[in-house]
């Protein structure tokens, strides 16, 4: 079947960019996505699994896979449309990305089992999710009318 190495080095298996998720929040009832890039900088095949804290509100594709040595994979995390603004306008969700070394014979189905079994050492990366809110800038035009425009973004979490 496959050979899993239990003696992992302290080398980081995956680089995760960006180090957190930022969901632009402008209004309710709008689905928003952001991208995460996983990079395998090692000479080993690395399996990954994304642990979603709230599957009803977020989707992740792919949420499980195997990266070849020195390769990358882009994940898309989608926040479903919210019916109302978040409580305290803060995001309280964190995503966990688990990774472990697998042999050349391991398949995606094997990976699901490995993460569920006891005794397999995995490395974990935690991603905080934030809402990004546009700042409103007030300006006065020559005729004295006040206008508002969206200027920059501010992270709340």
N, C-alpha and C. Protein backbone atom coordinates (compact mmCIF):
# COMPACT_ATOMS: atom_id res chain seq x y z
N UNK A 1 0.84 -1.19 0.00
CA UNK A 1 0.00 0.00 0.00
C UNK A 1 0.88 1.25 0.00
N UNK A 2 1.33 1.69 1.16
CA UNK A 2 2.21 2.86 1.21
C UNK A 2 3.04 2.80 2.47
N UNK A 3 4.08 3.57 2.47
CA UNK A 3 5.01 3.61 3.59
C UNK A 3 4.98 5.02 4.16
N UNK A 4 4.63 5.16 5.41
CA UNK A 4 4.59 6.47 6.05
C UNK A 4 5.75 6.59 7.01
N UNK A 5 6.46 7.69 6.95
CA UNK A 5 7.60 7.91 7.84
C UNK A 5 7.13 8.59 9.11
N UNK A 6 7.27 7.89 10.24
CA UNK A 6 6.84 8.47 11.51
C UNK A 6 7.89 9.42 12.08
N UNK A 7 9.13 9.27 11.72
CA UNK A 7 10.19 10.13 12.25
C UNK A 7 10.37 11.36 11.40
N UNK A 8 9.57 12.36 11.61
CA UNK A 8 9.65 13.58 10.81
C UNK A 8 10.72 14.51 11.37
N UNK A 9 11.36 15.24 10.48
CA UNK A 9 12.34 16.23 10.92
C UNK A 9 11.60 17.47 11.40
N UNK A 10 12.36 18.42 11.90
CA UNK A 10 11.75 19.66 12.36
C UNK A 10 11.56 20.64 11.21
N UNK A 11 11.98 20.25 10.00
CA UNK A 11 11.80 21.09 8.82
C UNK A 11 10.31 21.33 8.58
N UNK A 12 9.97 22.57 8.25
CA UNK A 12 8.59 22.90 7.94
C UNK A 12 8.21 22.22 6.64
N UNK A 13 7.10 21.49 6.63
CA UNK A 13 6.71 20.74 5.45
C UNK A 13 6.08 21.62 4.38
N UNK A 14 5.22 22.55 4.79
CA UNK A 14 4.53 23.41 3.84
C UNK A 14 4.70 24.88 4.20
N UNK A 15 4.92 25.70 3.20
CA UNK A 15 4.82 27.14 3.37
C UNK A 15 3.39 27.52 3.02
N UNK A 16 2.80 28.40 3.81
CA UNK A 16 1.42 28.81 3.61
C UNK A 16 1.40 30.32 3.39
N UNK A 17 0.86 30.74 2.26
CA UNK A 17 0.75 32.16 1.93
C UNK A 17 -0.66 32.48 1.48
N UNK A 18 -1.24 33.51 1.94
CA UNK A 18 -0.77 34.38 3.01
C UNK A 18 -0.92 33.66 4.35
N UNK A 19 -0.36 34.23 5.41
CA UNK A 19 -0.41 33.57 6.72
C UNK A 19 -1.79 33.62 7.39
N UNK A 20 -2.75 34.27 6.77
CA UNK A 20 -4.11 34.35 7.30
C UNK A 20 -5.08 34.57 6.16
N UNK A 21 -6.37 34.37 6.45
CA UNK A 21 -7.42 34.57 5.46
C UNK A 21 -8.06 35.94 5.68
N UNK A 22 -8.28 36.67 4.60
CA UNK A 22 -8.93 37.97 4.69
C UNK A 22 -10.13 37.99 3.76
N UNK A 23 -11.31 38.08 4.35
CA UNK A 23 -12.54 38.12 3.57
C UNK A 23 -13.05 39.55 3.50
N UNK A 24 -13.05 40.16 2.31
CA UNK A 24 -13.60 41.51 2.18
C UNK A 24 -15.09 41.48 2.53
N UNK A 25 -15.50 42.31 3.46
CA UNK A 25 -16.90 42.32 3.88
C UNK A 25 -17.48 43.70 3.59
N UNK A 26 -18.30 43.76 2.56
CA UNK A 26 -18.92 45.03 2.20
C UNK A 26 -20.39 45.04 2.51
N UNK A 27 -21.03 43.89 2.37
CA UNK A 27 -22.46 43.82 2.65
C UNK A 27 -22.86 42.36 2.83
N UNK A 28 -24.03 42.16 3.42
CA UNK A 28 -24.56 40.82 3.61
C UNK A 28 -25.09 40.30 2.28
N UNK A 29 -25.39 39.02 2.26
CA UNK A 29 -25.92 38.32 1.09
C UNK A 29 -24.97 38.35 -0.11
N UNK A 30 -23.67 38.29 0.18
CA UNK A 30 -22.68 38.24 -0.90
C UNK A 30 -21.62 37.21 -0.55
N UNK A 31 -21.42 36.24 -1.42
CA UNK A 31 -20.40 35.21 -1.24
C UNK A 31 -19.03 35.80 -1.58
N UNK A 32 -18.01 35.48 -0.77
CA UNK A 32 -16.67 36.03 -0.97
C UNK A 32 -15.65 34.90 -0.88
N UNK A 33 -14.62 34.97 -1.73
CA UNK A 33 -13.57 33.95 -1.73
C UNK A 33 -12.19 34.57 -1.55
N UNK A 34 -11.27 33.78 -1.05
CA UNK A 34 -9.86 34.17 -1.01
C UNK A 34 -9.02 32.92 -1.29
N UNK A 35 -7.78 33.15 -1.66
CA UNK A 35 -6.90 32.05 -2.08
C UNK A 35 -5.75 31.87 -1.11
N UNK A 36 -5.40 30.62 -0.88
CA UNK A 36 -4.24 30.24 -0.08
C UNK A 36 -3.32 29.45 -0.99
N UNK A 37 -2.03 29.71 -0.94
CA UNK A 37 -1.06 28.93 -1.71
C UNK A 37 -0.24 28.08 -0.75
N UNK A 38 -0.25 26.77 -0.98
CA UNK A 38 0.58 25.84 -0.24
C UNK A 38 1.79 25.51 -1.10
N UNK A 39 2.99 25.59 -0.53
CA UNK A 39 4.22 25.29 -1.25
C UNK A 39 4.99 24.21 -0.52
N UNK A 40 5.32 23.16 -1.25
CA UNK A 40 6.13 22.08 -0.73
C UNK A 40 7.57 22.36 -1.13
N UNK A 41 8.39 22.76 -0.18
CA UNK A 41 9.79 23.10 -0.47
C UNK A 41 10.72 21.90 -0.22
N UNK A 42 10.16 20.76 0.15
CA UNK A 42 10.96 19.59 0.50
C UNK A 42 11.17 18.68 -0.71
N UNK A 43 11.92 17.60 -0.49
CA UNK A 43 12.12 16.57 -1.51
C UNK A 43 11.14 15.42 -1.33
N UNK A 44 10.21 15.57 -0.41
CA UNK A 44 9.23 14.52 -0.11
C UNK A 44 7.86 14.88 -0.67
N UNK A 45 7.00 13.86 -0.80
CA UNK A 45 5.60 14.11 -1.12
C UNK A 45 4.91 14.46 0.19
N UNK A 46 4.16 15.54 0.18
CA UNK A 46 3.50 16.03 1.39
C UNK A 46 1.99 16.00 1.20
N UNK A 47 1.30 15.32 2.11
CA UNK A 47 -0.16 15.31 2.11
C UNK A 47 -0.64 16.48 2.97
N UNK A 48 -1.77 17.06 2.58
CA UNK A 48 -2.35 18.14 3.39
C UNK A 48 -3.85 17.91 3.54
N UNK A 49 -4.38 18.46 4.61
CA UNK A 49 -5.82 18.44 4.86
C UNK A 49 -6.19 19.75 5.55
N UNK A 50 -7.24 20.40 5.06
CA UNK A 50 -7.73 21.63 5.67
C UNK A 50 -8.88 21.27 6.60
N UNK A 51 -8.75 21.65 7.87
CA UNK A 51 -9.81 21.42 8.85
C UNK A 51 -10.63 22.71 8.90
N UNK A 52 -11.86 22.61 8.44
CA UNK A 52 -12.76 23.75 8.33
C UNK A 52 -13.53 23.92 9.65
N UNK A 53 -13.45 25.08 10.30
CA UNK A 53 -14.10 25.26 11.59
C UNK A 53 -15.61 25.38 11.49
N UNK A 54 -16.12 25.70 10.31
CA UNK A 54 -17.54 25.97 10.18
C UNK A 54 -17.98 25.63 8.74
N UNK A 55 -18.17 24.33 8.44
CA UNK A 55 -18.50 23.93 7.07
C UNK A 55 -19.81 24.49 6.53
N UNK A 56 -20.69 24.94 7.40
CA UNK A 56 -21.94 25.55 6.92
C UNK A 56 -21.68 26.93 6.31
N UNK A 57 -20.66 27.63 6.80
CA UNK A 57 -20.39 28.99 6.34
C UNK A 57 -19.20 29.10 5.39
N UNK A 58 -18.34 28.07 5.35
CA UNK A 58 -17.14 28.12 4.52
C UNK A 58 -16.98 26.84 3.73
N UNK A 59 -16.45 26.99 2.53
CA UNK A 59 -16.08 25.85 1.72
C UNK A 59 -14.62 25.99 1.33
N UNK A 60 -13.92 24.88 1.11
CA UNK A 60 -12.52 24.93 0.71
C UNK A 60 -12.29 23.89 -0.37
N UNK A 61 -11.73 24.32 -1.47
CA UNK A 61 -11.42 23.42 -2.59
C UNK A 61 -10.00 23.63 -3.06
N UNK A 62 -9.20 22.60 -3.17
CA UNK A 62 -9.43 21.29 -2.56
C UNK A 62 -9.17 21.37 -1.07
N UNK A 63 -9.75 20.50 -0.32
CA UNK A 63 -9.53 20.49 1.14
C UNK A 63 -8.59 19.37 1.56
N UNK A 64 -8.13 18.58 0.60
CA UNK A 64 -7.28 17.44 0.87
C UNK A 64 -6.48 17.15 -0.40
N UNK A 65 -5.22 16.77 -0.24
CA UNK A 65 -4.44 16.45 -1.43
C UNK A 65 -3.02 16.06 -1.10
N UNK A 66 -2.24 15.82 -2.15
CA UNK A 66 -0.83 15.47 -2.02
C UNK A 66 -0.05 16.39 -2.95
N UNK A 67 0.99 17.01 -2.39
CA UNK A 67 1.86 17.86 -3.19
C UNK A 67 3.16 17.12 -3.49
N UNK A 68 3.53 17.12 -4.75
CA UNK A 68 4.81 16.55 -5.17
C UNK A 68 5.94 17.41 -4.63
N UNK A 69 7.15 16.86 -4.59
CA UNK A 69 8.30 17.66 -4.13
C UNK A 69 8.42 18.96 -4.94
N UNK A 70 8.72 20.04 -4.22
CA UNK A 70 8.96 21.36 -4.83
C UNK A 70 7.81 21.85 -5.71
N UNK A 71 6.58 21.59 -5.28
CA UNK A 71 5.41 22.03 -6.04
C UNK A 71 4.51 22.91 -5.18
N UNK A 72 3.51 23.52 -5.82
CA UNK A 72 2.56 24.37 -5.11
C UNK A 72 1.14 23.95 -5.45
N UNK A 73 0.21 24.39 -4.63
CA UNK A 73 -1.21 24.14 -4.84
C UNK A 73 -1.98 25.34 -4.31
N UNK A 74 -2.91 25.85 -5.10
CA UNK A 74 -3.76 26.95 -4.65
C UNK A 74 -5.08 26.40 -4.14
N UNK A 75 -5.48 26.85 -2.96
CA UNK A 75 -6.76 26.49 -2.37
C UNK A 75 -7.67 27.71 -2.42
N UNK A 76 -8.94 27.49 -2.67
CA UNK A 76 -9.91 28.58 -2.65
C UNK A 76 -10.83 28.36 -1.46
N UNK A 77 -10.86 29.32 -0.56
CA UNK A 77 -11.75 29.27 0.60
C UNK A 77 -12.86 30.27 0.33
N UNK A 78 -14.11 29.80 0.38
CA UNK A 78 -15.26 30.64 0.08
C UNK A 78 -16.14 30.79 1.31
N UNK A 79 -16.39 32.04 1.67
CA UNK A 79 -17.33 32.34 2.75
C UNK A 79 -18.70 32.49 2.10
N UNK A 80 -19.66 31.70 2.57
CA UNK A 80 -21.01 31.77 2.02
C UNK A 80 -21.63 33.13 2.37
N UNK A 81 -22.61 33.51 1.59
CA UNK A 81 -23.30 34.79 1.83
C UNK A 81 -23.93 34.78 3.21
N UNK A 82 -23.71 35.85 3.96
CA UNK A 82 -24.29 35.97 5.30
C UNK A 82 -25.63 36.69 5.22
N UNK A 83 -26.56 36.25 6.03
CA UNK A 83 -27.88 36.89 6.06
C UNK A 83 -27.88 38.18 6.88
N UNK A 84 -26.92 38.27 7.79
CA UNK A 84 -26.80 39.49 8.59
C UNK A 84 -25.34 39.72 8.92
N UNK A 85 -25.01 40.93 9.32
CA UNK A 85 -23.63 41.27 9.66
C UNK A 85 -23.16 40.42 10.84
N UNK A 86 -21.88 40.05 10.86
CA UNK A 86 -21.36 39.24 11.96
C UNK A 86 -21.48 39.95 13.30
N UNK A 87 -21.68 39.18 14.33
CA UNK A 87 -21.77 39.71 15.69
C UNK A 87 -20.47 40.44 16.01
N UNK A 88 -20.54 41.62 16.52
CA UNK A 88 -19.39 42.46 16.85
C UNK A 88 -18.51 42.74 15.63
N UNK A 89 -19.02 42.42 14.45
CA UNK A 89 -18.28 42.63 13.19
C UNK A 89 -16.90 41.98 13.24
N UNK A 90 -16.80 40.85 13.94
CA UNK A 90 -15.53 40.14 14.02
C UNK A 90 -15.70 38.70 13.56
N UNK A 91 -14.66 38.18 12.96
CA UNK A 91 -14.63 36.80 12.51
C UNK A 91 -13.97 35.97 13.61
N UNK A 92 -14.62 34.89 14.00
CA UNK A 92 -14.10 34.07 15.10
C UNK A 92 -13.73 32.67 14.63
N UNK A 93 -13.33 32.55 13.37
CA UNK A 93 -13.00 31.24 12.82
C UNK A 93 -11.52 31.14 12.48
N UNK A 94 -10.95 29.98 12.76
CA UNK A 94 -9.56 29.67 12.42
C UNK A 94 -9.55 28.37 11.63
N UNK A 95 -8.75 28.33 10.58
CA UNK A 95 -8.61 27.13 9.77
C UNK A 95 -7.30 26.45 10.13
N UNK A 96 -7.33 25.13 10.21
CA UNK A 96 -6.15 24.34 10.52
C UNK A 96 -5.72 23.62 9.25
N UNK A 97 -4.44 23.75 8.90
CA UNK A 97 -3.91 23.01 7.76
C UNK A 97 -2.92 21.99 8.31
N UNK A 98 -3.27 20.72 8.16
CA UNK A 98 -2.43 19.63 8.64
C UNK A 98 -1.61 19.10 7.47
N UNK A 99 -0.37 18.69 7.76
CA UNK A 99 0.49 18.14 6.71
C UNK A 99 1.32 17.00 7.27
N UNK A 100 1.65 16.06 6.41
CA UNK A 100 2.52 14.94 6.78
C UNK A 100 3.19 14.38 5.53
N UNK A 101 4.31 13.69 5.74
CA UNK A 101 5.06 13.09 4.64
C UNK A 101 4.43 11.75 4.29
N UNK A 102 4.26 11.51 2.98
CA UNK A 102 3.73 10.24 2.50
C UNK A 102 4.67 9.69 1.42
N UNK A 103 4.59 8.40 1.18
CA UNK A 103 5.44 7.78 0.17
C UNK A 103 4.84 7.93 -1.22
N UNK A 104 5.58 7.50 -2.21
CA UNK A 104 5.13 7.65 -3.60
C UNK A 104 3.88 6.83 -3.91
N UNK A 105 3.61 5.79 -3.13
CA UNK A 105 2.42 4.97 -3.39
C UNK A 105 1.14 5.47 -2.75
N UNK A 106 1.22 6.50 -1.93
CA UNK A 106 0.03 6.99 -1.23
C UNK A 106 -0.92 7.67 -2.20
N UNK A 107 -2.21 7.45 -1.98
CA UNK A 107 -3.26 8.08 -2.78
C UNK A 107 -4.04 9.05 -1.92
N UNK A 108 -4.90 9.80 -2.55
CA UNK A 108 -5.74 10.76 -1.83
C UNK A 108 -6.62 10.03 -0.79
N UNK A 109 -7.10 8.85 -1.13
CA UNK A 109 -7.92 8.07 -0.21
C UNK A 109 -7.11 7.62 1.01
N UNK A 110 -5.84 7.28 0.79
CA UNK A 110 -4.96 6.90 1.90
C UNK A 110 -4.76 8.08 2.85
N UNK A 111 -4.66 9.27 2.29
CA UNK A 111 -4.42 10.47 3.10
C UNK A 111 -5.55 10.69 4.09
N UNK A 112 -6.78 10.51 3.65
CA UNK A 112 -7.93 10.67 4.56
C UNK A 112 -7.79 9.74 5.77
N UNK A 113 -7.37 8.53 5.53
CA UNK A 113 -7.21 7.54 6.60
C UNK A 113 -6.05 7.93 7.52
N UNK A 114 -4.92 8.34 6.94
CA UNK A 114 -3.74 8.69 7.73
C UNK A 114 -4.03 9.80 8.74
N UNK A 115 -4.75 10.82 8.32
CA UNK A 115 -5.04 11.92 9.25
C UNK A 115 -5.99 11.50 10.35
N UNK A 116 -6.79 10.45 10.11
CA UNK A 116 -7.73 9.97 11.13
C UNK A 116 -7.09 8.99 12.10
N UNK A 117 -6.01 8.32 11.69
CA UNK A 117 -5.37 7.31 12.52
C UNK A 117 -4.49 7.94 13.60
N UNK A 118 -4.40 7.25 14.71
CA UNK A 118 -3.51 7.66 15.80
C UNK A 118 -2.07 7.31 15.44
N UNK A 119 -1.14 8.04 15.97
CA UNK A 119 0.26 7.70 15.83
C UNK A 119 0.98 8.33 14.65
N UNK A 120 0.26 8.93 13.74
CA UNK A 120 0.92 9.60 12.61
C UNK A 120 1.18 11.05 12.99
N UNK A 121 2.45 11.40 13.00
CA UNK A 121 2.82 12.76 13.38
C UNK A 121 2.60 13.70 12.20
N UNK A 122 1.85 14.74 12.46
CA UNK A 122 1.62 15.72 11.40
C UNK A 122 2.04 17.09 11.92
N UNK A 123 2.33 17.97 10.99
CA UNK A 123 2.60 19.36 11.35
C UNK A 123 1.33 20.16 11.06
N UNK A 124 1.06 21.13 11.90
CA UNK A 124 -0.15 21.91 11.77
C UNK A 124 0.17 23.39 11.57
N UNK A 125 -0.61 24.02 10.72
CA UNK A 125 -0.54 25.46 10.53
C UNK A 125 -1.91 26.05 10.77
N UNK A 126 -2.00 27.08 11.59
CA UNK A 126 -3.28 27.70 11.92
C UNK A 126 -3.42 29.01 11.16
N UNK A 127 -4.54 29.17 10.48
CA UNK A 127 -4.84 30.39 9.73
C UNK A 127 -6.00 31.11 10.39
N UNK A 128 -5.76 32.33 10.83
CA UNK A 128 -6.85 33.15 11.36
C UNK A 128 -7.63 33.73 10.18
N UNK A 129 -8.92 33.81 10.34
CA UNK A 129 -9.76 34.43 9.32
C UNK A 129 -10.18 35.81 9.82
N UNK A 130 -10.05 36.79 8.97
CA UNK A 130 -10.41 38.17 9.30
C UNK A 130 -11.41 38.69 8.28
N UNK A 131 -12.24 39.63 8.74
CA UNK A 131 -13.06 40.39 7.81
C UNK A 131 -12.32 41.68 7.53
N UNK A 132 -12.29 42.08 6.28
CA UNK A 132 -11.68 43.34 5.88
C UNK A 132 -12.82 44.29 5.52
N UNK A 133 -12.83 45.45 6.15
CA UNK A 133 -13.88 46.43 5.91
C UNK A 133 -13.31 47.65 5.19
N UNK A 134 -13.96 48.11 4.14
CA UNK A 134 -13.51 49.34 3.49
C UNK A 134 -13.74 50.53 4.42
N UNK A 135 -12.80 51.45 4.40
CA UNK A 135 -12.97 52.69 5.15
C UNK A 135 -13.77 53.66 4.32
N UNK A 136 -14.61 54.40 4.97
CA UNK A 136 -15.36 55.43 4.28
C UNK A 136 -14.66 56.76 4.49
N UNK A 137 -14.36 57.46 3.42
CA UNK A 137 -13.68 58.75 3.51
C UNK A 137 -14.67 59.84 3.13
N UNK A 138 -14.78 60.84 3.99
CA UNK A 138 -15.70 61.94 3.74
C UNK A 138 -14.93 63.07 3.07
N UNK A 139 -15.49 63.62 2.00
CA UNK A 139 -14.86 64.77 1.36
C UNK A 139 -15.92 65.81 1.03
N UNK A 140 -15.51 67.03 1.00
CA UNK A 140 -16.42 68.12 0.67
C UNK A 140 -16.03 68.65 -0.70
N UNK A 141 -16.98 68.64 -1.60
CA UNK A 141 -16.73 69.16 -2.94
C UNK A 141 -17.00 70.66 -2.95
N UNK A 142 -16.55 71.39 -3.97
CA UNK A 142 -16.63 72.85 -3.97
C UNK A 142 -18.02 73.44 -3.69
N UNK A 143 -19.10 72.78 -4.08
CA UNK A 143 -20.42 73.36 -3.86
C UNK A 143 -20.96 73.07 -2.46
N UNK A 144 -20.11 72.52 -1.58
CA UNK A 144 -20.51 72.29 -0.20
C UNK A 144 -21.19 70.97 0.05
N UNK A 145 -21.36 70.13 -0.97
CA UNK A 145 -22.01 68.84 -0.80
C UNK A 145 -20.98 67.84 -0.27
N UNK A 146 -21.37 67.09 0.74
CA UNK A 146 -20.48 66.08 1.31
C UNK A 146 -20.67 64.78 0.54
N UNK A 147 -19.57 64.19 0.12
CA UNK A 147 -19.66 62.89 -0.57
C UNK A 147 -18.80 61.88 0.16
N UNK A 148 -19.14 60.61 0.00
CA UNK A 148 -18.40 59.52 0.62
C UNK A 148 -17.83 58.64 -0.47
N UNK A 149 -16.64 58.16 -0.24
CA UNK A 149 -16.04 57.21 -1.17
C UNK A 149 -15.29 56.15 -0.37
N UNK A 150 -15.13 54.97 -0.97
CA UNK A 150 -14.40 53.88 -0.32
C UNK A 150 -12.92 54.09 -0.59
N UNK A 151 -12.09 54.05 0.46
CA UNK A 151 -10.69 54.41 0.30
C UNK A 151 -9.76 53.22 0.48
N UNK A 152 -9.68 52.68 1.66
CA UNK A 152 -8.70 51.65 1.96
C UNK A 152 -9.40 50.53 2.72
N UNK A 153 -8.62 49.55 3.10
CA UNK A 153 -9.20 48.43 3.85
C UNK A 153 -8.58 48.35 5.23
N UNK A 154 -9.38 47.93 6.20
CA UNK A 154 -8.93 47.80 7.57
C UNK A 154 -9.30 46.43 8.06
N UNK A 155 -8.37 45.75 8.69
CA UNK A 155 -8.63 44.44 9.26
C UNK A 155 -9.15 44.62 10.67
N UNK A 156 -10.23 43.89 11.00
CA UNK A 156 -10.84 44.04 12.31
C UNK A 156 -10.40 42.96 13.29
N UNK A 157 -10.21 41.74 12.84
CA UNK A 157 -9.86 40.65 13.75
C UNK A 157 -8.40 40.67 14.10
